[in-house]
Amino acid sequence: MTTHIHGLSMQAAAKQLGISRNKLFALLRKHGHLNADNTPHHHLVQQGLFNVDTRGFNNPISGISRQYTVTLVTGAGLSWLHALKDQDAAQKAA
């Protein structure tokens, strides 16, 4: 399980939910909780459900560096995701 100082990776959170990482992203997109770059909307970060880290990568061959974002799920976010998954399942069953 990938745990970071500020939360779980999306892969680890999905595993805790019993679904794949892709299904977790699809669930969040379905409910309109993600931006175009798959980062959570700012209000979800402000609520303490997610953290977004900016990280850098330096290619040792080309020397080109780039930055990318990583979405992390907090403990409160994991509980919120469990509820969202259960709510989505209940809607599908109805």
PDB file of N, CA and C in Angstrom:
ATOM      1  N   MET A   1       0.852  -1.168   0.000  1.00  0.00           N
ATOM      2  CA  MET A   1       0.000   0.000   0.000  1.00  0.00           C
ATOM      3  C   MET A   1       0.899   1.234   0.000  1.00  0.00           C
ATOM      4  N   THR A   2       0.572   2.177  -0.891  1.00  0.00           N
ATOM      5  CA  THR A   2       1.376   3.382  -0.980  1.00  0.00           C
ATOM      6  C   THR A   2       0.782   4.458  -0.090  1.00  0.00           C
ATOM      7  N   THR A   3       1.462   4.743   1.002  1.00  0.00           N
ATOM      8  CA  THR A   3       1.025   5.777   1.925  1.00  0.00           C
ATOM      9  C   THR A   3       2.053   6.898   1.894  1.00  0.00           C
ATOM     10  N   HIS A   4       1.555   8.097   1.775  1.00  0.00           N
ATOM     11  CA  HIS A   4       2.419   9.262   1.792  1.00  0.00           C
ATOM     12  C   HIS A   4       2.116  10.055   3.053  1.00  0.00           C
ATOM     13  N   ILE A   5       2.936  11.035   3.323  1.00  0.00           N
ATOM     14  CA  ILE A   5       2.746  11.854   4.516  1.00  0.00           C
ATOM     15  C   ILE A   5       1.358  12.489   4.532  1.00  0.00           C
ATOM     16  N   HIS A   6       0.859  12.869   3.356  1.00  0.00           N
ATOM     17  CA  HIS A   6      -0.392  13.614   3.282  1.00  0.00           C
ATOM     18  C   HIS A   6      -1.572  12.782   2.801  1.00  0.00           C
ATOM     19  N   GLY A   7      -1.431  11.471   2.747  1.00  0.00           N
ATOM     20  CA  GLY A   7      -2.558  10.645   2.367  1.00  0.00           C
ATOM     21  C   GLY A   7      -2.163   9.415   1.571  1.00  0.00           C
ATOM     22  N   LEU A   8      -3.178   8.684   1.147  1.00  0.00           N
ATOM     23  CA  LEU A   8      -3.009   7.470   0.356  1.00  0.00           C
ATOM     24  C   LEU A   8      -2.985   7.816  -1.127  1.00  0.00           C
ATOM     25  N   SER A   9      -2.231   7.061  -1.900  1.00  0.00           N
ATOM     26  CA  SER A   9      -2.297   7.222  -3.345  1.00  0.00           C
ATOM     27  C   SER A   9      -3.698   6.799  -3.802  1.00  0.00           C
ATOM     28  N   MET A  10      -4.066   7.217  -4.992  1.00  0.00           N
ATOM     29  CA  MET A  10      -5.371   6.832  -5.527  1.00  0.00           C
ATOM     30  C   MET A  10      -5.429   5.313  -5.705  1.00  0.00           C
ATOM     31  N   GLN A  11      -4.315   4.707  -6.062  1.00  0.00           N
ATOM     32  CA  GLN A  11      -4.242   3.246  -6.206  1.00  0.00           C
ATOM     33  C   GLN A  11      -4.553   2.562  -4.871  1.00  0.00           C
ATOM     34  N   ALA A  12      -3.917   3.040  -3.800  1.00  0.00           N
ATOM     35  CA  ALA A  12      -4.125   2.442  -2.479  1.00  0.00           C
ATOM     36  C   ALA A  12      -5.546   2.688  -1.979  1.00  0.00           C
ATOM     37  N   ALA A  13      -6.077   3.876  -2.240  1.00  0.00           N
ATOM     38  CA  ALA A  13      -7.451   4.186  -1.824  1.00  0.00           C
ATOM     39  C   ALA A  13      -8.435   3.281  -2.560  1.00  0.00           C
ATOM     40  N   ALA A  14      -8.225   3.091  -3.845  1.00  0.00           N
ATOM     41  CA  ALA A  14      -9.102   2.221  -4.625  1.00  0.00           C
ATOM     42  C   ALA A  14      -9.076   0.796  -4.083  1.00  0.00           C
ATOM     43  N   LYS A  15      -7.886   0.338  -3.719  1.00  0.00           N
ATOM     44  CA  LYS A  15      -7.754  -1.007  -3.159  1.00  0.00           C
ATOM     45  C   LYS A  15      -8.545  -1.122  -1.861  1.00  0.00           C
ATOM     46  N   GLN A  16      -8.485  -0.083  -1.027  1.00  0.00           N
ATOM     47  CA  GLN A  16      -9.259  -0.080   0.225  1.00  0.00           C
ATOM     48  C   GLN A  16     -10.764  -0.133  -0.057  1.00  0.00           C
ATOM     49  N   LEU A  17     -11.182   0.445  -1.180  1.00  0.00           N
ATOM     50  CA  LEU A  17     -12.595   0.457  -1.557  1.00  0.00           C
ATOM     51  C   LEU A  17     -13.027  -0.823  -2.260  1.00  0.00           C
ATOM     52  N   GLY A  18     -12.040  -1.642  -2.639  1.00  0.00           N
ATOM     53  CA  GLY A  18     -12.356  -2.889  -3.330  1.00  0.00           C
ATOM     54  C   GLY A  18     -12.648  -2.699  -4.813  1.00  0.00           C
ATOM     55  N   ILE A  19     -12.118  -1.626  -5.398  1.00  0.00           N
ATOM     56  CA  ILE A  19     -12.303  -1.366  -6.824  1.00  0.00           C
ATOM     57  C   ILE A  19     -10.942  -1.022  -7.433  1.00  0.00           C
ATOM     58  N   SER A  20     -10.915  -0.913  -8.746  1.00  0.00           N
ATOM     59  CA  SER A  20      -9.664  -0.550  -9.416  1.00  0.00           C
ATOM     60  C   SER A  20      -9.474   0.966  -9.387  1.00  0.00           C
ATOM     61  N   ARG A  21      -8.250   1.388  -9.625  1.00  0.00           N
ATOM     62  CA  ARG A  21      -7.929   2.814  -9.686  1.00  0.00           C
ATOM     63  C   ARG A  21      -8.736   3.492 -10.786  1.00  0.00           C
ATOM     64  N   ASN A  22      -8.852   2.839 -11.943  1.00  0.00           N
ATOM     65  CA  ASN A  22      -9.604   3.413 -13.055  1.00  0.00           C
ATOM     66  C   ASN A  22     -11.082   3.576 -12.708  1.00  0.00           C
ATOM     67  N   LYS A  23     -11.639   2.600 -11.982  1.00  0.00           N
ATOM     68  CA  LYS A  23     -13.053   2.706 -11.575  1.00  0.00           C
ATOM     69  C   LYS A  23     -13.240   3.827 -10.555  1.00  0.00           C
ATOM     70  N   LEU A  24     -12.247   4.034  -9.703  1.00  0.00           N
ATOM     71  CA  LEU A  24     -12.327   5.139  -8.748  1.00  0.00           C
ATOM     72  C   LEU A  24     -12.341   6.468  -9.482  1.00  0.00           C
ATOM     73  N   PHE A  25     -11.440   6.649 -10.449  1.00  0.00           N
ATOM     74  CA  PHE A  25     -11.434   7.883 -11.232  1.00  0.00           C
ATOM     75  C   PHE A  25     -12.753   8.040 -12.001  1.00  0.00           C
ATOM     76  N   ALA A  26     -13.273   6.950 -12.565  1.00  0.00           N
ATOM     77  CA  ALA A  26     -14.543   7.005 -13.301  1.00  0.00           C
ATOM     78  C   ALA A  26     -15.689   7.423 -12.379  1.00  0.00           C
ATOM     79  N   LEU A  27     -15.708   6.891 -11.157  1.00  0.00           N
ATOM     80  CA  LEU A  27     -16.737   7.249 -10.181  1.00  0.00           C
ATOM     81  C   LEU A  27     -16.675   8.741  -9.852  1.00  0.00           C
ATOM     82  N   LEU A  28     -15.469   9.240  -9.621  1.00  0.00           N
ATOM     83  CA  LEU A  28     -15.310  10.661  -9.299  1.00  0.00           C
ATOM     84  C   LEU A  28     -15.674  11.554 -10.484  1.00  0.00           C
ATOM     85  N   ARG A  29     -15.335  11.123 -11.706  1.00  0.00           N
ATOM     86  CA  ARG A  29     -15.710  11.897 -12.895  1.00  0.00           C
ATOM     87  C   ARG A  29     -17.221  11.887 -13.083  1.00  0.00           C
ATOM     88  N   LYS A  30     -17.833  10.728 -12.875  1.00  0.00           N
ATOM     89  CA  LYS A  30     -19.283  10.584 -13.043  1.00  0.00           C
ATOM     90  C   LYS A  30     -20.046  11.579 -12.163  1.00  0.00           C
ATOM     91  N   HIS A  31     -19.548  11.786 -10.967  1.00  0.00           N
ATOM     92  CA  HIS A  31     -20.212  12.688 -10.028  1.00  0.00           C
ATOM     93  C   HIS A  31     -19.682  14.118 -10.105  1.00  0.00           C
ATOM     94  N   GLY A  32     -18.799  14.380 -11.069  1.00  0.00           N
ATOM     95  CA  GLY A  32     -18.321  15.737 -11.302  1.00  0.00           C
ATOM     96  C   GLY A  32     -17.351  16.263 -10.265  1.00  0.00           C
ATOM     97  N   HIS A  33     -16.574  15.380  -9.648  1.00  0.00           N
ATOM     98  CA  HIS A  33     -15.654  15.790  -8.591  1.00  0.00           C
ATOM     99  C   HIS A  33     -14.216  16.021  -9.059  1.00  0.00           C
ATOM    100  N   LEU A  34     -13.956  15.793 -10.364  1.00  0.00           N
ATOM    101  CA  LEU A  34     -12.592  15.945 -10.861  1.00  0.00           C
ATOM    102  C   LEU A  34     -12.492  17.045 -11.911  1.00  0.00           C
ATOM    103  N   ASN A  35     -11.346  17.695 -11.943  1.00  0.00           N
ATOM    104  CA  ASN A  35     -11.020  18.640 -12.999  1.00  0.00           C
ATOM    105  C   ASN A  35     -10.577  17.852 -14.227  1.00  0.00           C
ATOM    106  N   ALA A  36     -10.333  18.545 -15.322  1.00  0.00           N
ATOM    107  CA  ALA A  36      -9.933  17.896 -16.575  1.00  0.00           C
ATOM    108  C   ALA A  36      -8.628  17.115 -16.442  1.00  0.00           C
ATOM    109  N   ASP A  37      -7.756  17.534 -15.515  1.00  0.00           N
ATOM    110  CA  ASP A  37      -6.474  16.846 -15.334  1.00  0.00           C
ATOM    111  C   ASP A  37      -6.526  15.768 -14.247  1.00  0.00           C
ATOM    112  N   ASN A  38      -7.727  15.330 -13.893  1.00  0.00           N
ATOM    113  CA  ASN A  38      -7.956  14.281 -12.885  1.00  0.00           C
ATOM    114  C   ASN A  38      -7.553  14.687 -11.469  1.00  0.00           C
ATOM    115  N   THR A  39      -7.435  15.971 -11.204  1.00  0.00           N
ATOM    116  CA  THR A  39      -7.241  16.437  -9.837  1.00  0.00           C
ATOM    117  C   THR A  39      -8.610  16.780  -9.261  1.00  0.00           C
ATOM    118  N   PRO A  40      -8.794  16.631  -7.964  1.00  0.00           N
ATOM    119  CA  PRO A  40     -10.101  16.924  -7.369  1.00  0.00           C
ATOM    120  C   PRO A  40     -10.374  18.418  -7.376  1.00  0.00           C
ATOM    121  N   HIS A  41     -11.652  18.757  -7.412  1.00  0.00           N
ATOM    122  CA  HIS A  41     -12.039  20.165  -7.341  1.00  0.00           C
ATOM    123  C   HIS A  41     -11.493  20.787  -6.055  1.00  0.00           C
ATOM    124  N   HIS A  42     -11.204  22.061  -6.133  1.00  0.00           N
ATOM    125  CA  HIS A  42     -10.552  22.783  -5.039  1.00  0.00           C
ATOM    126  C   HIS A  42     -11.338  22.681  -3.725  1.00  0.00           C
ATOM    127  N   HIS A  43     -12.666  22.725  -3.805  1.00  0.00           N
ATOM    128  CA  HIS A  43     -13.453  22.675  -2.563  1.00  0.00           C
ATOM    129  C   HIS A  43     -13.273  21.344  -1.826  1.00  0.00           C
ATOM    130  N   LEU A  44     -12.988  20.259  -2.555  1.00  0.00           N
ATOM    131  CA  LEU A  44     -12.752  18.970  -1.903  1.00  0.00           C
ATOM    132  C   LEU A  44     -11.408  18.952  -1.188  1.00  0.00           C
ATOM    133  N   VAL A  45     -10.438  19.668  -1.745  1.00  0.00           N
ATOM    134  CA  VAL A  45      -9.134  19.807  -1.079  1.00  0.00           C
ATOM    135  C   VAL A  45      -9.305  20.672   0.168  1.00  0.00           C
ATOM    136  N   GLN A  46     -10.063  21.757   0.038  1.00  0.00           N
ATOM    137  CA  GLN A  46     -10.307  22.638   1.186  1.00  0.00           C
ATOM    138  C   GLN A  46     -11.042  21.920   2.306  1.00  0.00           C
ATOM    139  N   GLN A  47     -11.909  20.983   1.960  1.00  0.00           N
ATOM    140  CA  GLN A  47     -12.654  20.218   2.971  1.00  0.00           C
ATOM    141  C   GLN A  47     -11.774  19.160   3.644  1.00  0.00           C
ATOM    142  N   GLY A  48     -10.561  18.973   3.139  1.00  0.00           N
ATOM    143  CA  GLY A  48      -9.651  18.009   3.737  1.00  0.00           C
ATOM    144  C   GLY A  48      -9.842  16.582   3.262  1.00  0.00           C
ATOM    145  N   LEU A  49     -10.517  16.401   2.122  1.00  0.00           N
ATOM    146  CA  LEU A  49     -10.754  15.058   1.604  1.00  0.00           C
ATOM    147  C   LEU A  49      -9.602  14.564   0.732  1.00  0.00           C
ATOM    148  N   PHE A  50      -8.940  15.503   0.080  1.00  0.00           N
ATOM    149  CA  PHE A  50      -7.822  15.181  -0.808  1.00  0.00           C
ATOM    150  C   PHE A  50      -6.694  16.173  -0.592  1.00  0.00           C
ATOM    151  N   ASN A  51      -5.500  15.771  -0.977  1.00  0.00           N
ATOM    152  CA  ASN A  51      -4.353  16.661  -1.088  1.00  0.00           C
ATOM    153  C   ASN A  51      -3.813  16.489  -2.496  1.00  0.00           C
ATOM    154  N   VAL A  52      -3.256  17.553  -3.042  1.00  0.00           N
ATOM    155  CA  VAL A  52      -2.638  17.490  -4.360  1.00  0.00           C
ATOM    156  C   VAL A  52      -1.200  17.941  -4.209  1.00  0.00           C
ATOM    157  N   ASP A  53      -0.279  17.036  -4.491  1.00  0.00           N
ATOM    158  CA  ASP A  53       1.151  17.337  -4.425  1.00  0.00           C
ATOM    159  C   ASP A  53       1.676  17.584  -5.829  1.00  0.00           C
ATOM    160  N   THR A  54       2.553  18.547  -5.953  1.00  0.00           N
ATOM    161  CA  THR A  54       3.256  18.779  -7.203  1.00  0.00           C
ATOM    162  C   THR A  54       4.643  18.195  -7.051  1.00  0.00           C
ATOM    163  N   ARG A  55       5.007  17.362  -8.000  1.00  0.00           N
ATOM    164  CA  ARG A  55       6.297  16.691  -7.940  1.00  0.00           C
ATOM    165  C   ARG A  55       7.055  16.937  -9.237  1.00  0.00           C
ATOM    166  N   GLY A  56       8.335  16.714  -9.187  1.00  0.00           N
ATOM    167  CA  GLY A  56       9.156  16.925 -10.365  1.00  0.00           C
ATOM    168  C   GLY A  56       9.861  15.660 -10.788  1.00  0.00           C
ATOM    169  N   PHE A  57      10.200  15.602 -12.059  1.00  0.00           N
ATOM    170  CA  PHE A  57      10.918  14.468 -12.613  1.00  0.00           C
ATOM    171  C   PHE A  57      11.975  14.997 -13.560  1.00  0.00           C
ATOM    172  N   ASN A  58      13.199  14.571 -13.387  1.00  0.00           N
ATOM    173  CA  ASN A  58      14.293  14.927 -14.286  1.00  0.00           C
ATOM    174  C   ASN A  58      14.688  13.697 -15.080  1.00  0.00           C
ATOM    175  N   ASN A  59      14.562  13.777 -16.407  1.00  0.00           N
ATOM    176  CA  ASN A  59      14.950  12.673 -17.268  1.00  0.00           C
ATOM    177  C   ASN A  59      16.471  12.647 -17.362  1.00  0.00           C
ATOM    178  N   PRO A  60      17.108  11.592 -16.878  1.00  0.00           N
ATOM    179  CA  PRO A  60      18.570  11.559 -16.869  1.00  0.00           C
ATOM    180  C   PRO A  60      19.189  11.484 -18.269  1.00  0.00           C
ATOM    181  N   ILE A  61      18.438  11.013 -19.235  1.00  0.00           N
ATOM    182  CA  ILE A  61      18.965  10.888 -20.599  1.00  0.00           C
ATOM    183  C   ILE A  61      18.862  12.207 -21.353  1.00  0.00           C
ATOM    184  N   SER A  62      17.666  12.791 -21.372  1.00  0.00           N
ATOM    185  CA  SER A  62      17.469  14.029 -22.139  1.00  0.00           C
ATOM    186  C   SER A  62      17.785  15.282 -21.330  1.00  0.00           C
ATOM    187  N   GLY A  63      17.754  15.151 -19.999  1.00  0.00           N
ATOM    188  CA  GLY A  63      17.981  16.317 -19.151  1.00  0.00           C
ATOM    189  C   GLY A  63      16.762  17.203 -18.996  1.00  0.00           C
ATOM    190  N   ILE A  64      15.656  16.789 -19.592  1.00  0.00           N
ATOM    191  CA  ILE A  64      14.422  17.567 -19.511  1.00  0.00           C
ATOM    192  C   ILE A  64      13.737  17.280 -18.181  1.00  0.00           C
ATOM    193  N   SER A  65      13.292  18.337 -17.529  1.00  0.00           N
ATOM    194  CA  SER A  65      12.556  18.153 -16.281  1.00  0.00           C
ATOM    195  C   SER A  65      11.115  18.583 -16.505  1.00  0.00           C
ATOM    196  N   ARG A  66      10.235  17.961 -15.774  1.00  0.00           N
ATOM    197  CA  ARG A  66       8.821  18.337 -15.848  1.00  0.00           C
ATOM    198  C   ARG A  66       8.186  18.172 -14.483  1.00  0.00           C
ATOM    199  N   GLN A  67       7.078  18.857 -14.314  1.00  0.00           N
ATOM    200  CA  GLN A  67       6.324  18.744 -13.068  1.00  0.00           C
ATOM    201  C   GLN A  67       5.008  18.043 -13.359  1.00  0.00           C
ATOM    202  N   TYR A  68       4.527  17.342 -12.368  1.00  0.00           N
ATOM    203  CA  TYR A  68       3.246  16.665 -12.479  1.00  0.00           C
ATOM    204  C   TYR A  68       2.570  16.694 -11.123  1.00  0.00           C
ATOM    205  N   THR A  69       1.270  16.457 -11.110  1.00  0.00           N
ATOM    206  CA  THR A  69       0.517  16.457  -9.854  1.00  0.00           C
ATOM    207  C   THR A  69       0.142  15.032  -9.476  1.00  0.00           C
ATOM    208  N   VAL A  70       0.058  14.810  -8.177  1.00  0.00           N
ATOM    209  CA  VAL A  70      -0.355  13.519  -7.632  1.00  0.00           C
ATOM    210  C   VAL A  70      -1.485  13.796  -6.643  1.00  0.00           C
ATOM    211  N   THR A  71      -2.598  13.115  -6.836  1.00  0.00           N
ATOM    212  CA  THR A  71      -3.740  13.258  -5.931  1.00  0.00           C
ATOM    213  C   THR A  71      -3.618  12.234  -4.819  1.00  0.00           C
ATOM    214  N   LEU A  72      -3.743  12.703  -3.582  1.00  0.00           N
ATOM    215  CA  LEU A  72      -3.676  11.841  -2.408  1.00  0.00           C
ATOM    216  C   LEU A  72      -5.000  11.922  -1.653  1.00  0.00           C
ATOM    217  N   VAL A  73      -5.430  10.810  -1.115  1.00  0.00           N
ATOM    218  CA  VAL A  73      -6.695  10.729  -0.383  1.00  0.00           C
ATOM    219  C   VAL A  73      -6.391  10.741   1.110  1.00  0.00           C
ATOM    220  N   THR A  74      -7.026  11.640   1.843  1.00  0.00           N
ATOM    221  CA  THR A  74      -6.848  11.709   3.297  1.00  0.00           C
ATOM    222  C   THR A  74      -7.731  10.652   3.965  1.00  0.00           C
ATOM    223  N   GLY A  75      -7.587  10.509   5.270  1.00  0.00           N
ATOM    224  CA  GLY A  75      -8.442   9.586   6.019  1.00  0.00           C
ATOM    225  C   GLY A  75      -9.913   9.960   5.904  1.00  0.00           C
ATOM    226  N   ALA A  76     -10.197  11.256   6.024  1.00  0.00           N
ATOM    227  CA  ALA A  76     -11.576  11.722   5.870  1.00  0.00           C
ATOM    228  C   ALA A  76     -12.060  11.482   4.444  1.00  0.00           C
ATOM    229  N   GLY A  77     -11.152  11.643   3.486  1.00  0.00           N
ATOM    230  CA  GLY A  77     -11.497  11.407   2.090  1.00  0.00           C
ATOM    231  C   GLY A  77     -11.829   9.956   1.818  1.00  0.00           C
ATOM    232  N   LEU A  78     -11.126   9.049   2.468  1.00  0.00           N
ATOM    233  CA  LEU A  78     -11.402   7.628   2.285  1.00  0.00           C
ATOM    234  C   LEU A  78     -12.802   7.289   2.807  1.00  0.00           C
ATOM    235  N   SER A  79     -13.175   7.836   3.940  1.00  0.00           N
ATOM    236  CA  SER A  79     -14.533   7.629   4.466  1.00  0.00           C
ATOM    237  C   SER A  79     -15.569   8.208   3.515  1.00  0.00           C
ATOM    238  N   TRP A  80     -15.279   9.398   2.982  1.00  0.00           N
ATOM    239  CA  TRP A  80     -16.175  10.058   2.042  1.00  0.00           C
ATOM    240  C   TRP A  80     -16.315   9.223   0.772  1.00  0.00           C
ATOM    241  N   LEU A  81     -15.208   8.653   0.287  1.00  0.00           N
ATOM    242  CA  LEU A  81     -15.248   7.817  -0.911  1.00  0.00           C
ATOM    243  C   LEU A  81     -16.049   6.540  -0.679  1.00  0.00           C
ATOM    244  N   HIS A  82     -15.936   5.950   0.520  1.00  0.00           N
ATOM    245  CA  HIS A  82     -16.751   4.769   0.850  1.00  0.00           C
ATOM    246  C   HIS A  82     -18.235   5.123   0.738  1.00  0.00           C
ATOM    247  N   ALA A  83     -18.612   6.261   1.296  1.00  0.00           N
ATOM    248  CA  ALA A  83     -20.010   6.693   1.248  1.00  0.00           C
ATOM    249  C   ALA A  83     -20.443   6.965  -0.194  1.00  0.00           C
ATOM    250  N   LEU A  84     -19.579   7.598  -0.974  1.00  0.00           N
ATOM    251  CA  LEU A  84     -19.904   7.893  -2.378  1.00  0.00           C
ATOM    252  C   LEU A  84     -20.085   6.602  -3.162  1.00  0.00           C
ATOM    253  N   LYS A  85     -19.204   5.639  -2.937  1.00  0.00           N
ATOM    254  CA  LYS A  85     -19.309   4.343  -3.621  1.00  0.00           C
ATOM    255  C   LYS A  85     -20.603   3.631  -3.238  1.00  0.00           C
ATOM    256  N   ASP A  86     -20.938   3.633  -1.945  1.00  0.00           N
ATOM    257  CA  ASP A  86     -22.174   2.993  -1.481  1.00  0.00           C
ATOM    258  C   ASP A  86     -23.400   3.691  -2.055  1.00  0.00           C
ATOM    259  N   GLN A  87     -23.374   5.029  -2.093  1.00  0.00           N
ATOM    260  CA  GLN A  87     -24.485   5.810  -2.650  1.00  0.00           C
ATOM    261  C   GLN A  87     -24.649   5.490  -4.137  1.00  0.00           C
ATOM    262  N   ASP A  88     -23.550   5.409  -4.852  1.00  0.00           N
ATOM    263  CA  ASP A  88     -23.592   5.095  -6.283  1.00  0.00           C
ATOM    264  C   ASP A  88     -24.152   3.695  -6.508  1.00  0.00           C
ATOM    265  N   ALA A  89     -23.734   2.730  -5.693  1.00  0.00           N
ATOM    266  CA  ALA A  89     -24.240   1.364  -5.811  1.00  0.00           C
ATOM    267  C   ALA A  89     -25.740   1.304  -5.530  1.00  0.00           C
ATOM    268  N   ALA A  90     -26.184   2.073  -4.537  1.00  0.00           N
ATOM    269  CA  ALA A  90     -27.620   2.102  -4.199  1.00  0.00           C
ATOM    270  C   ALA A  90     -28.428   2.708  -5.342  1.00  0.00           C
ATOM    271  N   GLN A  91     -27.883   3.734  -5.999  1.00  0.00           N
ATOM    272  CA  GLN A  91     -28.581   4.353  -7.122  1.00  0.00           C
ATOM    273  C   GLN A  91     -28.684   3.381  -8.291  1.00  0.00           C
ATOM    274  N   LYS A  92     -27.638   2.589  -8.513  1.00  0.00           N
ATOM    275  CA  LYS A  92     -27.659   1.614  -9.603  1.00  0.00           C
ATOM    276  C   LYS A  92     -28.684   0.515  -9.327  1.00  0.00           C
ATOM    277  N   ALA A  93     -28.827   0.140  -8.045  1.00  0.00           N
ATOM    278  CA  ALA A  93     -29.739  -0.935  -7.660  1.00  0.00           C
ATOM    279  C   ALA A  93     -31.196  -0.494  -7.731  1.00  0.00           C
ATOM    280  N   ALA A  94     -31.427   0.805  -7.589  1.00  0.00           N
ATOM    281  CA  ALA A  94     -32.813   1.304  -7.557  1.00  0.00           C
ATOM    282  C   ALA A  94     -33.436   1.370  -8.931  1.00  0.00           C
TER     283      ALA A  94
END
